[in-house]
Amino acid sequence: MTEGVIPVGTTAVEKRGIAVEVPEWLSDRCTMCNECAFVCPHAAIRPFLADEDELAEAPEGFIVREMRGANGQKYRIQVSVEDCTGCGLCVEACPAKGKALTMRPYEEQKEQALNWAFAMTLRQKENPAKPGTVLGSQFNKPLLEFSGACAGCGETPYVKLLTQMFGDRMMIANATGCSSIWGGTSPVSPYTTNHLGQGPAWSNSLFEDNAEYGYGMFLANQTRREKLAAQLQLLKAAVSEELQALIEDWDLHREESAGTQQRAAKLIAALEAEVSDTPQLAPILKEKDLFVKPSQWMIGGDGWAYDIGFGGIDHVLASGADVNILVLDNEVYSNTGGQVSKATPTSAIAKFAASGKFVSKKTWE
C-alpha cells in the first residue's frame, strides 16, 4: 500500500507445512484446561466450542467432548497441522496424566487440515469460563497467529495473550527487534481481526524511541477523542433526549475500559438512526472509531527497555499516562545473534560474549 498499510491476517494463507511431527489430541485424556493453546507460540492449537446444529455438518472424525457448564456445547482441541512448527511445547505443558497430546508424524495427521477448516467456520460462542483465567482467555480468538517466529518462540505466546485480552481495541508501538521482525515482515501480517472486524493496530518506528512513539500514539488519540467529545456536547440540543442520554453516558465513562465497546455500539446506532434528520451528525459518524477507548501498548525487547530506550521509558512512566509496557526480556540481544545486554545475568555466556558477563542484571527498582 502506498500509505504504508499492510493488510492484516495474511499469514493465515501461507500454510507452510514445515513440521515433521505435529500434536495429536487424545480426547479421552483431556482435562479441558486449555494450557496447550495458552503456550502455543503460533496459535496453531486451539479450543473450539460447537453446538449440535454445527456438528451436523462436521467431517467424520471430528471428535468432541461435553464442555462443562456450557449448556450442551461440545469441546474440541484442534491443531492446524499446516501452521504448526512442531516445537512440542503444547505436549510439554499438558498436565493430564498420561498426556492428552502426543507428537505424531505429519504424514499421519494430514487429514486434520479438513477438521481445522471446519473448526474455523464455527461461530464465536459466549465464553463459558471465568474471565482473566488461562481457561477463559483461550476461548477468545487469538489476534496474533501463524507468525514467522522461530519454533518454540518465547515471545509470541505473551503477545498473543495480550491480543486475546485487549486485541479488539489495542494499539501497539513495537520497538525494532525480534518482535518487529515476526510482527511486521511485509507483505504478510500475523495480526488479524475478530468476527466483528476488530483487531490490533500495529506500527514500528525505531529501536530507541518506542516509548516516545507509543506515547505519541496515545496523545494523538486522546486529543482526537477530546475534540469529538466537545463536538458532541455542542450538538446535544439538536438531538433526541434518548441520544442526549447516550452522549452524556459516553462522555462520563469515555476513559473507562470496561464496557467501552458496548457504549460505543449503542451511541453509533443512535447516531445513525438520527443522522438523516440531523445532518450535523455526519462528521461525527466519520470519527466513530474514536468512541472506543483504545488500549495503548509499547512492546519490545531488553535491548530497547533496559538499554538504548530506557530513558524514554522512564519519562513515559513518569508522565502517569494510561499506557502499558510489555518487555520481552530475552536477557540477550537475540535478534542480532547474541550479545550481552544490561538484562543479561551475571556470568551468563552468549554467542558473541564468550567471556561471560561480569556485572549483575540491571534492576528496575
Protein backbone atom coordinates (compact mmCIF):
# COMPACT_ATOMS: atom_id res chain seq x y z
CA MET A 1 0.00 0.00 0.00
CA THR A 2 1.30 3.48 -0.86
CA GLU A 3 0.31 4.83 2.57
CA GLY A 4 2.32 2.13 4.37
CA VAL A 5 -0.63 0.00 5.45
CA ILE A 6 -0.32 -3.80 5.29
CA PRO A 7 -3.49 -5.97 5.11
CA VAL A 8 -3.95 -7.98 8.30
CA GLY A 9 -4.38 -11.72 8.75
CA THR A 10 -2.32 -12.64 5.71
CA THR A 11 -0.15 -15.26 7.46
CA ALA A 12 -3.26 -17.45 7.62
CA VAL A 13 -2.99 -18.16 3.90
CA GLU A 14 0.69 -19.18 3.87
CA LYS A 15 0.19 -22.76 5.17
CA ARG A 16 3.91 -23.53 5.22
CA GLY A 17 3.65 -27.11 6.48
CA ILE A 18 7.17 -27.12 7.98
CA ALA A 19 6.63 -29.51 10.93
CA VAL A 20 7.96 -33.05 10.71
CA GLU A 21 5.85 -34.03 13.72
CA VAL A 22 2.62 -32.41 14.93
CA PRO A 23 0.50 -32.95 18.07
CA GLU A 24 -2.41 -35.37 18.10
CA TRP A 25 -5.25 -34.73 20.57
CA LEU A 26 -6.31 -37.73 22.70
CA SER A 27 -9.79 -36.66 23.73
CA ASP A 28 -10.33 -39.28 26.44
CA ARG A 29 -7.35 -37.98 28.43
CA CYS A 30 -8.04 -34.26 28.06
CA THR A 31 -8.96 -32.24 31.17
CA MET A 32 -10.07 -29.23 29.05
CA CYS A 33 -7.62 -26.88 30.76
CA ASN A 34 -6.57 -25.05 27.55
CA GLU A 35 -2.93 -24.88 28.66
CA CYS A 36 -1.77 -26.27 25.31
CA ALA A 37 -3.33 -23.34 23.47
CA PHE A 38 -2.01 -20.93 26.10
CA VAL A 39 1.66 -21.79 25.44
CA CYS A 40 1.50 -22.28 21.67
CA PRO A 41 3.79 -19.70 20.02
CA HIS A 42 1.90 -19.75 16.73
CA ALA A 43 -1.78 -20.11 17.74
CA ALA A 44 -1.78 -23.41 15.82
CA ILE A 45 -3.63 -25.36 18.52
CA ARG A 46 -6.90 -24.00 19.90
CA PRO A 47 -10.03 -25.00 21.80
CA PHE A 48 -13.30 -24.82 19.91
CA LEU A 49 -16.93 -24.93 21.04
CA ALA A 50 -19.68 -26.32 18.81
CA ASP A 51 -23.42 -26.83 19.18
CA GLU A 52 -25.50 -29.72 17.84
CA ASP A 53 -26.57 -27.86 14.69
CA GLU A 54 -22.98 -27.10 13.76
CA LEU A 55 -21.83 -30.65 14.47
CA ALA A 56 -24.39 -31.96 12.00
CA GLU A 57 -22.08 -30.58 9.29
CA ALA A 58 -18.85 -31.80 10.89
CA PRO A 59 -16.42 -34.03 8.97
CA GLU A 60 -16.07 -37.65 10.02
CA GLY A 61 -13.52 -37.92 12.81
CA PHE A 62 -14.32 -34.51 14.35
CA ILE A 63 -14.39 -35.93 17.89
CA VAL A 64 -15.80 -33.73 20.68
CA ARG A 65 -16.23 -33.76 24.44
CA GLU A 66 -19.06 -32.41 26.59
CA MET A 67 -18.00 -28.94 27.76
CA ARG A 68 -18.52 -28.35 31.48
CA GLY A 69 -21.08 -25.63 32.24
CA ALA A 70 -21.62 -24.63 28.61
CA ASN A 71 -25.29 -25.58 28.14
CA GLY A 72 -24.78 -28.62 26.00
CA GLN A 73 -21.98 -27.23 23.88
CA LYS A 74 -19.21 -29.56 22.80
CA TYR A 75 -15.48 -29.03 23.21
CA ARG A 76 -12.59 -29.92 20.96
CA ILE A 77 -8.88 -29.19 20.75
CA GLN A 78 -7.95 -28.75 17.11
CA VAL A 79 -4.49 -28.48 15.56
CA SER A 80 -3.69 -26.69 12.32
CA VAL A 81 -1.07 -29.13 11.08
CA GLU A 82 -0.07 -26.83 8.20
CA ASP A 83 0.64 -23.91 10.54
CA CYS A 84 2.26 -25.91 13.36
CA THR A 85 6.06 -25.66 13.68
CA GLY A 86 6.42 -28.91 15.62
CA CYS A 87 8.03 -27.36 18.70
CA GLY A 88 6.18 -29.68 21.11
CA LEU A 89 5.54 -27.02 23.78
CA CYS A 90 1.88 -27.99 23.95
CA VAL A 91 2.82 -31.58 24.79
CA GLU A 92 5.24 -30.40 27.48
CA ALA A 93 2.62 -28.09 29.01
CA CYS A 94 -0.20 -30.65 29.07
CA PRO A 95 -0.87 -31.54 32.74
CA ALA A 96 -3.10 -34.54 32.02
CA LYS A 97 -1.98 -37.86 33.42
CA GLY A 98 -0.55 -39.84 30.52
CA LYS A 99 -0.69 -36.65 28.38
CA ALA A 100 -3.66 -35.68 26.20
CA LEU A 101 -1.31 -34.70 23.37
CA THR A 102 1.36 -36.73 21.64
CA MET A 103 3.65 -35.88 18.76
CA ARG A 104 2.89 -37.84 15.59
CA PRO A 105 4.40 -37.77 12.09
CA TYR A 106 2.89 -35.06 9.90
CA GLU A 107 2.00 -37.61 7.23
CA GLU A 108 -0.28 -39.42 9.69
CA GLN A 109 -2.13 -36.23 10.64
CA LYS A 110 -2.65 -34.56 7.26
CA GLU A 111 -6.40 -35.23 7.37
CA GLN A 112 -6.62 -32.84 10.34
CA ALA A 113 -6.40 -29.99 7.84
CA LEU A 114 -10.04 -30.69 6.95
CA ASN A 115 -11.04 -30.64 10.63
CA TRP A 116 -9.22 -27.33 11.10
CA ALA A 117 -11.01 -25.82 8.11
CA PHE A 118 -14.36 -26.88 9.60
CA ALA A 119 -13.43 -25.60 13.07
CA MET A 120 -12.70 -22.17 11.59
CA THR A 121 -16.32 -21.96 10.39
CA LEU A 122 -17.72 -22.36 13.92
CA ARG A 123 -19.29 -19.18 15.23
CA GLN A 124 -17.82 -17.41 18.26
CA LYS A 125 -19.67 -18.53 21.40
CA GLU A 126 -20.19 -16.74 24.68
CA ASN A 127 -17.16 -17.53 26.79
CA PRO A 128 -18.16 -20.26 29.29
CA ALA A 129 -15.15 -19.73 31.57
CA LYS A 130 -14.14 -17.11 34.11
CA PRO A 131 -12.52 -14.00 32.55
CA GLY A 132 -8.85 -13.48 33.30
CA THR A 133 -8.05 -17.18 33.60
CA VAL A 134 -5.95 -19.46 31.41
CA LEU A 135 -9.07 -21.44 30.55
CA GLY A 136 -11.19 -18.40 29.74
CA SER A 137 -8.56 -16.47 27.79
CA GLN A 138 -8.10 -19.26 25.27
CA PHE A 139 -11.74 -19.27 24.18
CA ASN A 140 -11.10 -15.76 22.82
CA LYS A 141 -9.77 -15.77 19.28
CA PRO A 142 -6.03 -15.02 19.18
CA LEU A 143 -5.47 -11.92 17.07
CA LEU A 144 -1.82 -12.85 16.52
CA GLU A 145 -1.46 -16.08 14.59
CA PHE A 146 0.92 -18.13 12.43
CA SER A 147 3.84 -15.70 12.62
CA GLY A 148 7.24 -16.49 11.17
CA ALA A 149 8.78 -16.60 14.66
CA CYS A 150 11.14 -19.47 15.46
CA ALA A 151 9.63 -22.79 16.55
CA GLY A 152 9.13 -22.63 20.31
CA CYS A 153 9.42 -18.83 20.41
CA GLY A 154 9.17 -17.45 23.95
CA GLU A 155 7.86 -14.03 22.91
CA THR A 156 4.79 -14.70 20.80
CA PRO A 157 2.71 -16.50 23.47
CA TYR A 158 2.75 -13.35 25.63
CA VAL A 159 1.80 -11.01 22.79
CA LYS A 160 -0.79 -13.49 21.57
CA LEU A 161 -2.34 -13.49 25.06
CA LEU A 162 -2.48 -9.69 25.06
CA THR A 163 -4.44 -9.79 21.80
CA GLN A 164 -6.89 -12.26 23.34
CA MET A 165 -7.45 -9.92 26.29
CA PHE A 166 -7.28 -6.45 24.69
CA GLY A 167 -6.91 -7.03 20.94
CA ASP A 168 -10.29 -5.68 19.85
CA ARG A 169 -9.15 -2.14 20.80
CA MET A 170 -5.38 -2.48 21.01
CA MET A 171 -2.80 -0.04 19.64
CA ILE A 172 0.81 -1.28 19.56
CA ALA A 173 4.06 0.63 19.23
CA ASN A 174 6.71 -2.03 18.62
CA ALA A 175 10.44 -1.49 19.12
CA THR A 176 12.72 -2.81 16.41
CA GLY A 177 13.94 -6.30 17.27
CA CYS A 178 12.68 -9.87 17.07
CA SER A 179 9.11 -8.78 17.78
CA SER A 180 9.16 -6.31 14.88
CA ILE A 181 10.50 -9.00 12.56
CA TRP A 182 7.89 -11.69 13.24
CA GLY A 183 5.27 -8.98 13.86
CA GLY A 184 5.64 -6.88 10.73
CA THR A 185 7.54 -8.54 7.94
CA SER A 186 5.98 -7.17 4.76
CA PRO A 187 3.99 -8.26 2.83
CA VAL A 188 2.35 -10.53 5.41
CA SER A 189 0.97 -9.71 8.86
CA PRO A 190 0.28 -12.17 11.71
CA TYR A 191 -2.01 -9.65 13.40
CA THR A 192 -5.64 -10.23 12.47
CA THR A 193 -9.23 -9.35 13.40
CA ASN A 194 -12.12 -10.96 15.23
CA HIS A 195 -15.53 -11.79 13.73
CA LEU A 196 -16.53 -8.12 14.09
CA GLY A 197 -13.52 -6.89 12.15
CA GLN A 198 -11.83 -5.52 15.28
CA GLY A 199 -8.13 -6.07 15.89
CA PRO A 200 -4.83 -4.52 16.95
CA ALA A 201 -3.33 -1.52 15.16
CA TRP A 202 0.44 -2.10 14.95
CA SER A 203 3.33 0.12 13.97
CA ASN A 204 7.10 0.28 14.34
CA SER A 205 9.34 3.36 14.41
CA LEU A 206 12.90 2.82 15.63
CA PHE A 207 14.88 0.81 18.18
CA GLU A 208 15.48 3.65 20.61
CA ASP A 209 12.27 5.72 20.62
CA ASN A 210 9.50 3.17 21.03
CA ALA A 211 8.18 4.53 24.34
CA GLU A 212 8.01 8.06 22.95
CA TYR A 213 6.45 6.77 19.72
CA GLY A 214 3.74 4.90 21.64
CA TYR A 215 3.20 7.91 23.90
CA GLY A 216 2.66 9.98 20.77
CA MET A 217 0.02 7.50 19.60
CA PHE A 218 -1.69 7.84 22.97
CA LEU A 219 -1.63 11.66 22.95
CA ALA A 220 -2.86 11.88 19.37
CA ASN A 221 -5.77 9.57 20.08
CA GLN A 222 -6.60 11.33 23.32
CA THR A 223 -6.62 14.72 21.59
CA ARG A 224 -8.93 13.49 18.84
CA ARG A 225 -11.32 11.93 21.38
CA GLU A 226 -11.46 15.12 23.43
CA LYS A 227 -12.27 17.12 20.28
CA LEU A 228 -15.02 14.63 19.38
CA ALA A 229 -16.48 14.87 22.89
CA ALA A 230 -16.62 18.68 22.58
CA GLN A 231 -18.37 18.44 19.20
CA LEU A 232 -20.96 16.05 20.64
CA GLN A 233 -21.69 18.43 23.51
CA LEU A 234 -22.32 21.28 21.06
CA LEU A 235 -24.82 19.16 19.12
CA LYS A 236 -26.76 17.85 22.12
CA ALA A 237 -29.52 20.41 21.82
CA ALA A 238 -30.29 19.28 18.27
CA VAL A 239 -30.89 15.60 19.03
CA SER A 240 -33.44 13.49 20.88
CA GLU A 241 -33.45 13.05 24.65
CA GLU A 242 -32.51 9.40 24.20
CA LEU A 243 -29.41 10.31 22.20
CA GLN A 244 -28.59 13.08 24.67
CA ALA A 245 -28.57 10.50 27.46
CA LEU A 246 -26.25 8.20 25.47
CA ILE A 247 -23.89 11.10 24.75
CA GLU A 248 -23.77 12.00 28.43
CA ASP A 249 -23.16 8.38 29.42
CA TRP A 250 -20.36 8.02 26.87
CA ASP A 251 -18.73 11.29 27.89
CA LEU A 252 -18.89 10.36 31.57
CA HIS A 253 -17.26 6.96 31.01
CA ARG A 254 -15.12 7.56 27.91
CA GLU A 255 -11.84 6.98 29.78
CA GLU A 256 -13.06 3.68 31.24
CA SER A 257 -12.03 0.43 29.55
CA ALA A 258 -14.81 -1.75 30.94
CA GLY A 259 -17.86 -1.62 28.69
CA THR A 260 -16.30 0.76 26.16
CA GLN A 261 -17.25 -1.41 23.15
CA GLN A 262 -20.87 -1.68 24.33
CA ARG A 263 -21.22 2.07 24.96
CA ALA A 264 -19.70 2.84 21.58
CA ALA A 265 -22.04 0.42 19.77
CA LYS A 266 -25.14 1.95 21.41
CA LEU A 267 -24.03 5.50 20.63
CA ILE A 268 -23.17 4.70 17.00
CA ALA A 269 -26.55 3.00 16.45
CA ALA A 270 -28.40 6.00 17.90
CA LEU A 271 -26.37 8.48 15.81
CA GLU A 272 -27.06 6.51 12.63
CA ALA A 273 -30.77 6.48 13.43
CA GLU A 274 -30.89 10.31 13.66
CA VAL A 275 -28.31 11.42 11.10
CA SER A 276 -30.89 11.78 8.32
CA ASP A 277 -32.85 14.29 10.44
CA THR A 278 -29.73 15.96 11.83
CA PRO A 279 -27.07 16.16 9.08
CA GLN A 280 -24.63 17.81 11.50
CA LEU A 281 -24.08 14.33 12.96
CA ALA A 282 -22.47 13.04 9.73
CA PRO A 283 -18.95 14.35 10.54
CA ILE A 284 -19.26 12.75 13.99
CA LEU A 285 -20.04 9.37 12.47
CA LYS A 286 -16.96 9.61 10.27
CA GLU A 287 -14.94 9.53 13.50
CA LYS A 288 -16.93 6.69 15.09
CA ASP A 289 -13.81 4.58 15.67
CA LEU A 290 -12.90 7.09 18.39
CA PHE A 291 -15.86 6.14 20.55
CA VAL A 292 -13.98 3.06 21.78
CA LYS A 293 -11.25 3.71 24.34
CA PRO A 294 -8.01 2.27 22.92
CA SER A 295 -5.63 0.12 24.94
CA GLN A 296 -2.18 1.58 24.22
CA TRP A 297 0.85 -0.73 24.41
CA MET A 298 4.60 -0.34 23.92
CA ILE A 299 6.25 -3.69 23.21
CA GLY A 300 9.92 -4.52 22.75
CA GLY A 301 12.93 -6.48 23.93
CA ASP A 302 15.50 -5.82 26.63
CA GLY A 303 17.82 -4.04 24.18
CA TRP A 304 15.18 -1.33 23.98
CA ALA A 305 13.76 -1.48 27.51
CA TYR A 306 16.97 -1.95 29.54
CA ASP A 307 19.47 -0.20 27.30
CA ILE A 308 19.08 2.25 24.44
CA GLY A 309 15.40 3.13 25.02
CA PHE A 310 15.38 3.12 28.82
CA GLY A 311 15.45 6.91 29.16
CA GLY A 312 12.30 7.29 27.09
CA ILE A 313 10.54 4.61 29.09
CA ASP A 314 11.44 6.44 32.30
CA HIS A 315 9.89 9.68 31.05
CA VAL A 316 6.72 7.99 29.77
CA LEU A 317 6.20 6.14 33.05
CA ALA A 318 6.77 9.37 34.98
CA SER A 319 4.04 11.08 32.93
CA GLY A 320 1.40 8.90 34.59
CA ALA A 321 -0.28 8.34 31.22
CA ASP A 322 -2.69 5.43 30.84
CA VAL A 323 -0.32 3.31 28.76
CA ASN A 324 1.05 -0.22 29.08
CA ILE A 325 4.55 -1.59 28.52
CA LEU A 326 5.48 -5.21 27.78
CA VAL A 327 9.19 -6.04 27.98
CA LEU A 328 10.14 -9.24 26.17
CA ASP A 329 13.19 -9.91 28.34
CA ASN A 330 15.40 -12.31 26.40
CA GLU A 331 18.39 -11.43 28.63
CA VAL A 332 20.47 -11.08 25.47
CA TYR A 333 20.45 -9.25 22.15
CA SER A 334 18.89 -12.19 20.35
CA ASN A 335 17.86 -10.55 17.07
CA THR A 336 21.46 -9.69 16.20
CA GLY A 337 22.93 -13.06 17.15
CA GLY A 338 23.53 -12.93 20.89
CA GLN A 339 25.39 -10.07 22.56
CA VAL A 340 25.27 -9.18 26.24
CA SER A 341 22.59 -6.71 27.30
CA LYS A 342 22.05 -4.99 30.64
CA ALA A 343 19.39 -7.64 31.28
CA THR A 344 21.90 -10.48 30.94
CA PRO A 345 22.52 -12.22 34.32
CA THR A 346 25.93 -12.37 35.95
CA SER A 347 28.34 -14.90 34.40
CA ALA A 348 26.00 -15.71 31.51
CA ILE A 349 27.77 -16.61 28.27
CA ALA A 350 26.24 -15.58 24.95
CA LYS A 351 27.20 -16.47 21.39
CA PHE A 352 29.05 -13.19 20.90
CA ALA A 353 30.04 -12.79 24.55
CA ALA A 354 32.10 -15.91 25.22
CA SER A 355 33.86 -14.42 28.24
CA GLY A 356 30.61 -14.04 30.15
CA LYS A 357 29.15 -11.03 31.96
CA PHE A 358 30.98 -9.51 34.92
CA VAL A 359 28.20 -7.36 36.40
CA SER A 360 24.72 -8.23 37.63
CA LYS A 361 21.47 -7.87 35.74
CA LYS A 362 20.05 -4.36 35.74
CA THR A 363 17.02 -3.97 38.00
CA TRP A 364 14.08 -1.58 37.75
CA GLU A 365 13.91 -0.66 41.45
